[in-house]
């Protein structure tokens, strides 16, 4: 239950900073459910590809470095 609570909180944070909560998901999968794990891993990989790179990293890479 604590893990689910932390994931819910973190999803809100991801939305607030502009990364999007869809980048994080929580699943209950038993050790005996290998095919289900493989399917979820495939779907999450596909979702990550569809979303593209970290939008915050892209913004900072486009800005010139500041000299101290």
PDB file of N, CA and C in Angstrom:
ATOM      1  N   UNK A   1       0.818  -1.190   0.000  1.00  0.00           N
ATOM      2  CA  UNK A   1       0.000   0.000   0.000  1.00  0.00           C
ATOM      3  C   UNK A   1       0.871   1.266   0.000  1.00  0.00           C
ATOM      4  N   UNK A   2       2.003   1.207   0.696  1.00  0.00           N
ATOM      5  CA  UNK A   2       2.883   2.388   0.715  1.00  0.00           C
ATOM      6  C   UNK A   2       3.452   2.675  -0.669  1.00  0.00           C
ATOM      7  N   UNK A   3       3.801   1.602  -1.373  1.00  0.00           N
ATOM      8  CA  UNK A   3       4.360   1.787  -2.714  1.00  0.00           C
ATOM      9  C   UNK A   3       3.333   2.438  -3.637  1.00  0.00           C
ATOM     10  N   UNK A   4       2.090   1.986  -3.571  1.00  0.00           N
ATOM     11  CA  UNK A   4       1.044   2.570  -4.402  1.00  0.00           C
ATOM     12  C   UNK A   4       0.835   4.041  -4.048  1.00  0.00           C
ATOM     13  N   UNK A   5       0.890   4.356  -2.779  1.00  0.00           N
ATOM     14  CA  UNK A   5       0.756   5.745  -2.337  1.00  0.00           C
ATOM     15  C   UNK A   5       1.895   6.600  -2.881  1.00  0.00           C
ATOM     16  N   UNK A   6       3.099   6.075  -2.846  1.00  0.00           N
ATOM     17  CA  UNK A   6       4.262   6.820  -3.344  1.00  0.00           C
ATOM     18  C   UNK A   6       4.192   7.010  -4.855  1.00  0.00           C
ATOM     19  N   UNK A   7       3.704   5.994  -5.556  1.00  0.00           N
ATOM     20  CA  UNK A   7       3.570   6.109  -7.011  1.00  0.00           C
ATOM     21  C   UNK A   7       2.529   7.171  -7.350  1.00  0.00           C
ATOM     22  N   UNK A   8       1.413   7.177  -6.638  1.00  0.00           N
ATOM     23  CA  UNK A   8       0.381   8.177  -6.867  1.00  0.00           C
ATOM     24  C   UNK A   8       0.922   9.592  -6.640  1.00  0.00           C
ATOM     25  N   UNK A   9       1.653   9.768  -5.575  1.00  0.00           N
ATOM     26  CA  UNK A   9       2.263  11.063  -5.264  1.00  0.00           C
ATOM     27  C   UNK A   9       3.269  11.464  -6.356  1.00  0.00           C
ATOM     28  N   UNK A  10       4.094  10.524  -6.761  1.00  0.00           N
ATOM     29  CA  UNK A  10       5.119  10.809  -7.761  1.00  0.00           C
ATOM     30  C   UNK A  10       4.495  11.152  -9.108  1.00  0.00           C
ATOM     31  N   UNK A  11       3.390  10.496  -9.456  1.00  0.00           N
ATOM     32  CA  UNK A  11       2.696  10.819 -10.703  1.00  0.00           C
ATOM     33  C   UNK A  11       2.212  12.276 -10.690  1.00  0.00           C
ATOM     34  N   UNK A  12       1.720  12.739  -9.534  1.00  0.00           N
ATOM     35  CA  UNK A  12       1.306  14.136  -9.421  1.00  0.00           C
ATOM     36  C   UNK A  12       2.503  15.065  -9.612  1.00  0.00           C
ATOM     37  N   UNK A  13       3.630  14.712  -9.011  1.00  0.00           N
ATOM     38  CA  UNK A  13       4.841  15.522  -9.173  1.00  0.00           C
ATOM     39  C   UNK A  13       5.276  15.573 -10.632  1.00  0.00           C
ATOM     40  N   UNK A  14       5.232  14.445 -11.316  1.00  0.00           N
ATOM     41  CA  UNK A  14       5.624  14.411 -12.723  1.00  0.00           C
ATOM     42  C   UNK A  14       4.755  15.340 -13.567  1.00  0.00           C
ATOM     43  N   UNK A  15       3.466  15.379 -13.275  1.00  0.00           N
ATOM     44  CA  UNK A  15       2.581  16.301 -13.989  1.00  0.00           C
ATOM     45  C   UNK A  15       2.932  17.753 -13.673  1.00  0.00           C
ATOM     46  N   UNK A  16       3.221  18.018 -12.420  1.00  0.00           N
ATOM     47  CA  UNK A  16       3.535  19.396 -12.015  1.00  0.00           C
ATOM     48  C   UNK A  16       4.800  19.933 -12.670  1.00  0.00           C
ATOM     49  N   UNK A  17       5.795  19.087 -12.853  1.00  0.00           N
ATOM     50  CA  UNK A  17       7.047  19.557 -13.448  1.00  0.00           C
ATOM     51  C   UNK A  17       7.060  19.444 -14.967  1.00  0.00           C
ATOM     52  N   UNK A  18       5.979  18.920 -15.543  1.00  0.00           N
ATOM     53  CA  UNK A  18       5.869  18.890 -16.993  1.00  0.00           C
ATOM     54  C   UNK A  18       6.351  17.629 -17.675  1.00  0.00           C
ATOM     55  N   UNK A  19       6.625  16.590 -16.930  1.00  0.00           N
ATOM     56  CA  UNK A  19       7.054  15.336 -17.554  1.00  0.00           C
ATOM     57  C   UNK A  19       5.884  14.449 -17.941  1.00  0.00           C
ATOM     58  N   UNK A  20       4.781  14.546 -17.244  1.00  0.00           N
ATOM     59  CA  UNK A  20       3.614  13.728 -17.547  1.00  0.00           C
ATOM     60  C   UNK A  20       3.570  12.464 -16.703  1.00  0.00           C
ATOM     61  N   UNK A  21       2.452  12.260 -16.051  1.00  0.00           N
ATOM     62  CA  UNK A  21       2.311  11.109 -15.159  1.00  0.00           C
ATOM     63  C   UNK A  21       2.246   9.787 -15.900  1.00  0.00           C
ATOM     64  N   UNK A  22       1.975   9.819 -17.202  1.00  0.00           N
ATOM     65  CA  UNK A  22       1.895   8.566 -17.964  1.00  0.00           C
ATOM     66  C   UNK A  22       3.253   7.879 -18.111  1.00  0.00           C
ATOM     67  N   UNK A  23       4.311   8.536 -17.697  1.00  0.00           N
ATOM     68  CA  UNK A  23       5.642   7.924 -17.748  1.00  0.00           C
ATOM     69  C   UNK A  23       5.884   6.947 -16.608  1.00  0.00           C
ATOM     70  N   UNK A  24       4.984   6.921 -15.629  1.00  0.00           N
ATOM     71  CA  UNK A  24       5.138   6.048 -14.463  1.00  0.00           C
ATOM     72  C   UNK A  24       3.871   5.233 -14.285  1.00  0.00           C
ATOM     73  N   UNK A  25       4.018   3.950 -14.016  1.00  0.00           N
ATOM     74  CA  UNK A  25       2.865   3.075 -13.801  1.00  0.00           C
ATOM     75  C   UNK A  25       3.217   2.056 -12.727  1.00  0.00           C
ATOM     76  N   UNK A  26       2.211   1.552 -12.062  1.00  0.00           N
ATOM     77  CA  UNK A  26       2.384   0.577 -10.988  1.00  0.00           C
ATOM     78  C   UNK A  26       1.536  -0.646 -11.314  1.00  0.00           C
ATOM     79  N   UNK A  27       2.132  -1.828 -11.252  1.00  0.00           N
ATOM     80  CA  UNK A  27       1.429  -3.065 -11.564  1.00  0.00           C
ATOM     81  C   UNK A  27       1.618  -4.071 -10.441  1.00  0.00           C
ATOM     82  N   UNK A  28       0.588  -4.843 -10.167  1.00  0.00           N
ATOM     83  CA  UNK A  28       0.671  -5.974  -9.238  1.00  0.00           C
ATOM     84  C   UNK A  28       0.781  -7.230 -10.091  1.00  0.00           C
ATOM     85  N   UNK A  29       1.942  -7.855 -10.124  1.00  0.00           N
ATOM     86  CA  UNK A  29       2.145  -9.043 -10.946  1.00  0.00           C
ATOM     87  C   UNK A  29       2.805 -10.111 -10.088  1.00  0.00           C
ATOM     88  N   UNK A  30       2.204 -11.278 -10.059  1.00  0.00           N
ATOM     89  CA  UNK A  30       2.778 -12.395  -9.304  1.00  0.00           C
ATOM     90  C   UNK A  30       3.989 -12.954 -10.056  1.00  0.00           C
ATOM     91  N   UNK A  31       4.877 -13.572  -9.316  1.00  0.00           N
ATOM     92  CA  UNK A  31       6.083 -14.154  -9.916  1.00  0.00           C
ATOM     93  C   UNK A  31       5.736 -15.238 -10.933  1.00  0.00           C
ATOM     94  N   UNK A  32       4.594 -15.865 -10.777  1.00  0.00           N
ATOM     95  CA  UNK A  32       4.191 -16.947 -11.685  1.00  0.00           C
ATOM     96  C   UNK A  32       3.533 -16.427 -12.965  1.00  0.00           C
ATOM     97  N   UNK A  33       3.406 -15.117 -13.114  1.00  0.00           N
ATOM     98  CA  UNK A  33       2.737 -14.550 -14.276  1.00  0.00           C
ATOM     99  C   UNK A  33       3.735 -13.934 -15.261  1.00  0.00           C
ATOM    100  N   UNK A  34       4.678 -14.738 -15.697  1.00  0.00           N
ATOM    101  CA  UNK A  34       5.709 -14.259 -16.615  1.00  0.00           C
ATOM    102  C   UNK A  34       5.132 -13.715 -17.925  1.00  0.00           C
ATOM    103  N   UNK A  35       4.161 -14.384 -18.548  1.00  0.00           N
ATOM    104  CA  UNK A  35       3.609 -13.821 -19.794  1.00  0.00           C
ATOM    105  C   UNK A  35       2.965 -12.438 -19.587  1.00  0.00           C
ATOM    106  N   UNK A  36       2.295 -12.247 -18.466  1.00  0.00           N
ATOM    107  CA  UNK A  36       1.697 -10.947 -18.173  1.00  0.00           C
ATOM    108  C   UNK A  36       2.786  -9.894 -17.995  1.00  0.00           C
ATOM    109  N   UNK A  37       3.856 -10.245 -17.278  1.00  0.00           N
ATOM    110  CA  UNK A  37       4.974  -9.322 -17.105  1.00  0.00           C
ATOM    111  C   UNK A  37       5.560  -8.926 -18.457  1.00  0.00           C
ATOM    112  N   UNK A  38       5.767  -9.909 -19.328  1.00  0.00           N
ATOM    113  CA  UNK A  38       6.342  -9.626 -20.647  1.00  0.00           C
ATOM    114  C   UNK A  38       5.433  -8.712 -21.451  1.00  0.00           C
ATOM    115  N   UNK A  39       4.130  -8.928 -21.397  1.00  0.00           N
ATOM    116  CA  UNK A  39       3.187  -8.092 -22.133  1.00  0.00           C
ATOM    117  C   UNK A  39       3.184  -6.661 -21.599  1.00  0.00           C
ATOM    118  N   UNK A  40       3.184  -6.505 -20.302  1.00  0.00           N
ATOM    119  CA  UNK A  40       3.197  -5.164 -19.712  1.00  0.00           C
ATOM    120  C   UNK A  40       4.509  -4.451 -20.029  1.00  0.00           C
ATOM    121  N   UNK A  41       5.624  -5.175 -19.972  1.00  0.00           N
ATOM    122  CA  UNK A  41       6.914  -4.572 -20.315  1.00  0.00           C
ATOM    123  C   UNK A  41       6.918  -4.109 -21.767  1.00  0.00           C
ATOM    124  N   UNK A  42       6.321  -4.901 -22.657  1.00  0.00           N
ATOM    125  CA  UNK A  42       6.238  -4.518 -24.071  1.00  0.00           C
ATOM    126  C   UNK A  42       5.389  -3.254 -24.233  1.00  0.00           C
ATOM    127  N   UNK A  43       4.247  -3.210 -23.555  1.00  0.00           N
ATOM    128  CA  UNK A  43       3.364  -2.045 -23.661  1.00  0.00           C
ATOM    129  C   UNK A  43       4.020  -0.785 -23.096  1.00  0.00           C
ATOM    130  N   UNK A  44       4.712  -0.912 -21.971  1.00  0.00           N
ATOM    131  CA  UNK A  44       5.370   0.250 -21.374  1.00  0.00           C
ATOM    132  C   UNK A  44       6.525   0.741 -22.261  1.00  0.00           C
ATOM    133  N   UNK A  45       7.241  -0.184 -22.879  1.00  0.00           N
ATOM    134  CA  UNK A  45       8.309   0.200 -23.801  1.00  0.00           C
ATOM    135  C   UNK A  45       7.732   0.947 -24.991  1.00  0.00           C
ATOM    136  N   UNK A  46       6.632   0.448 -25.511  1.00  0.00           N
ATOM    137  CA  UNK A  46       5.954   1.102 -26.631  1.00  0.00           C
ATOM    138  C   UNK A  46       5.471   2.497 -26.218  1.00  0.00           C
ATOM    139  N   UNK A  47       4.918   2.609 -25.027  1.00  0.00           N
ATOM    140  CA  UNK A  47       4.446   3.894 -24.526  1.00  0.00           C
ATOM    141  C   UNK A  47       5.606   4.883 -24.403  1.00  0.00           C
ATOM    142  N   UNK A  48       6.728   4.410 -23.886  1.00  0.00           N
ATOM    143  CA  UNK A  48       7.900   5.279 -23.736  1.00  0.00           C
ATOM    144  C   UNK A  48       8.389   5.769 -25.097  1.00  0.00           C
ATOM    145  N   UNK A  49       8.400   4.892 -26.090  1.00  0.00           N
ATOM    146  CA  UNK A  49       8.817   5.303 -27.436  1.00  0.00           C
ATOM    147  C   UNK A  49       7.867   6.340 -28.013  1.00  0.00           C
ATOM    148  N   UNK A  50       6.560   6.132 -27.802  1.00  0.00           N
ATOM    149  CA  UNK A  50       5.559   7.062 -28.322  1.00  0.00           C
ATOM    150  C   UNK A  50       5.678   8.442 -27.676  1.00  0.00           C
ATOM    151  N   UNK A  51       6.032   8.483 -26.388  1.00  0.00           N
ATOM    152  CA  UNK A  51       6.162   9.759 -25.687  1.00  0.00           C
ATOM    153  C   UNK A  51       7.421  10.506 -26.092  1.00  0.00           C
ATOM    154  N   UNK A  52       8.431   9.788 -26.507  1.00  0.00           N
ATOM    155  CA  UNK A  52       9.668  10.434 -26.919  1.00  0.00           C
ATOM    156  C   UNK A  52      10.579  10.726 -25.738  1.00  0.00           C
ATOM    157  N   UNK A  53      11.628  11.490 -25.993  1.00  0.00           N
ATOM    158  CA  UNK A  53      12.606  11.770 -24.935  1.00  0.00           C
ATOM    159  C   UNK A  53      12.052  12.684 -23.851  1.00  0.00           C
ATOM    160  N   UNK A  54      12.777  12.752 -22.783  1.00  0.00           N
ATOM    161  CA  UNK A  54      12.439  13.610 -21.650  1.00  0.00           C
ATOM    162  C   UNK A  54      12.326  15.051 -22.145  1.00  0.00           C
ATOM    163  N   UNK A  55      11.130  15.665 -22.057  1.00  0.00           N
ATOM    164  CA  UNK A  55      10.985  17.039 -22.564  1.00  0.00           C
ATOM    165  C   UNK A  55      11.819  18.059 -21.795  1.00  0.00           C
ATOM    166  N   UNK A  56      12.084  17.816 -20.536  1.00  0.00           N
ATOM    167  CA  UNK A  56      12.910  18.750 -19.771  1.00  0.00           C
ATOM    168  C   UNK A  56      14.362  18.674 -20.203  1.00  0.00           C
ATOM    169  N   UNK A  57      14.847  17.491 -20.488  1.00  0.00           N
ATOM    170  CA  UNK A  57      16.227  17.348 -20.943  1.00  0.00           C
ATOM    171  C   UNK A  57      16.395  17.999 -22.309  1.00  0.00           C
ATOM    172  N   UNK A  58      15.430  17.848 -23.172  1.00  0.00           N
ATOM    173  CA  UNK A  58      15.520  18.462 -24.501  1.00  0.00           C
ATOM    174  C   UNK A  58      15.615  19.972 -24.399  1.00  0.00           C
ATOM    175  N   UNK A  59      14.857  20.584 -23.499  1.00  0.00           N
ATOM    176  CA  UNK A  59      14.882  22.036 -23.334  1.00  0.00           C
ATOM    177  C   UNK A  59      16.236  22.516 -22.835  1.00  0.00           C
ATOM    178  N   UNK A  60      16.817  21.791 -21.881  1.00  0.00           N
ATOM    179  CA  UNK A  60      18.090  22.238 -21.323  1.00  0.00           C
ATOM    180  C   UNK A  60      19.234  22.002 -22.297  1.00  0.00           C
ATOM    181  N   UNK A  61      19.130  20.986 -23.135  1.00  0.00           N
ATOM    182  CA  UNK A  61      20.192  20.725 -24.095  1.00  0.00           C
ATOM    183  C   UNK A  61      20.211  21.775 -25.201  1.00  0.00           C
ATOM    184  N   UNK A  62      19.067  22.411 -25.459  1.00  0.00           N
ATOM    185  CA  UNK A  62      19.000  23.435 -26.483  1.00  0.00           C
ATOM    186  C   UNK A  62      19.549  24.774 -26.022  1.00  0.00           C
ATOM    187  N   UNK A  63      19.587  24.973 -24.707  1.00  0.00           N
ATOM    188  CA  UNK A  63      20.075  26.237 -24.172  1.00  0.00           C
ATOM    189  C   UNK A  63      21.596  26.183 -24.057  1.00  0.00           C
ATOM    190  N   UNK A  64      22.261  27.292 -24.375  1.00  0.00           N
ATOM    191  CA  UNK A  64      23.725  27.311 -24.243  1.00  0.00           C
ATOM    192  C   UNK A  64      24.137  27.219 -22.785  1.00  0.00           C
ATOM    193  N   UNK A  65      25.271  26.623 -22.552  1.00  0.00           N
ATOM    194  CA  UNK A  65      25.774  26.471 -21.179  1.00  0.00           C
ATOM    195  C   UNK A  65      26.182  27.835 -20.629  1.00  0.00           C
ATOM    196  N   UNK A  66      25.890  28.025 -19.353  1.00  0.00           N
ATOM    197  CA  UNK A  66      26.275  29.275 -18.686  1.00  0.00           C
ATOM    198  C   UNK A  66      27.689  29.143 -18.141  1.00  0.00           C
ATOM    199  N   UNK A  67      28.437  30.205 -18.266  1.00  0.00           N
ATOM    200  CA  UNK A  67      29.779  30.203 -17.707  1.00  0.00           C
ATOM    201  C   UNK A  67      29.715  30.808 -16.304  1.00  0.00           C
ATOM    202  N   UNK A  68      30.433  30.199 -15.386  1.00  0.00           N
ATOM    203  CA  UNK A  68      30.400  30.670 -13.995  1.00  0.00           C
ATOM    204  C   UNK A  68      31.253  31.874 -13.780  1.00  0.00           C
TER     205      UNK A  68
END
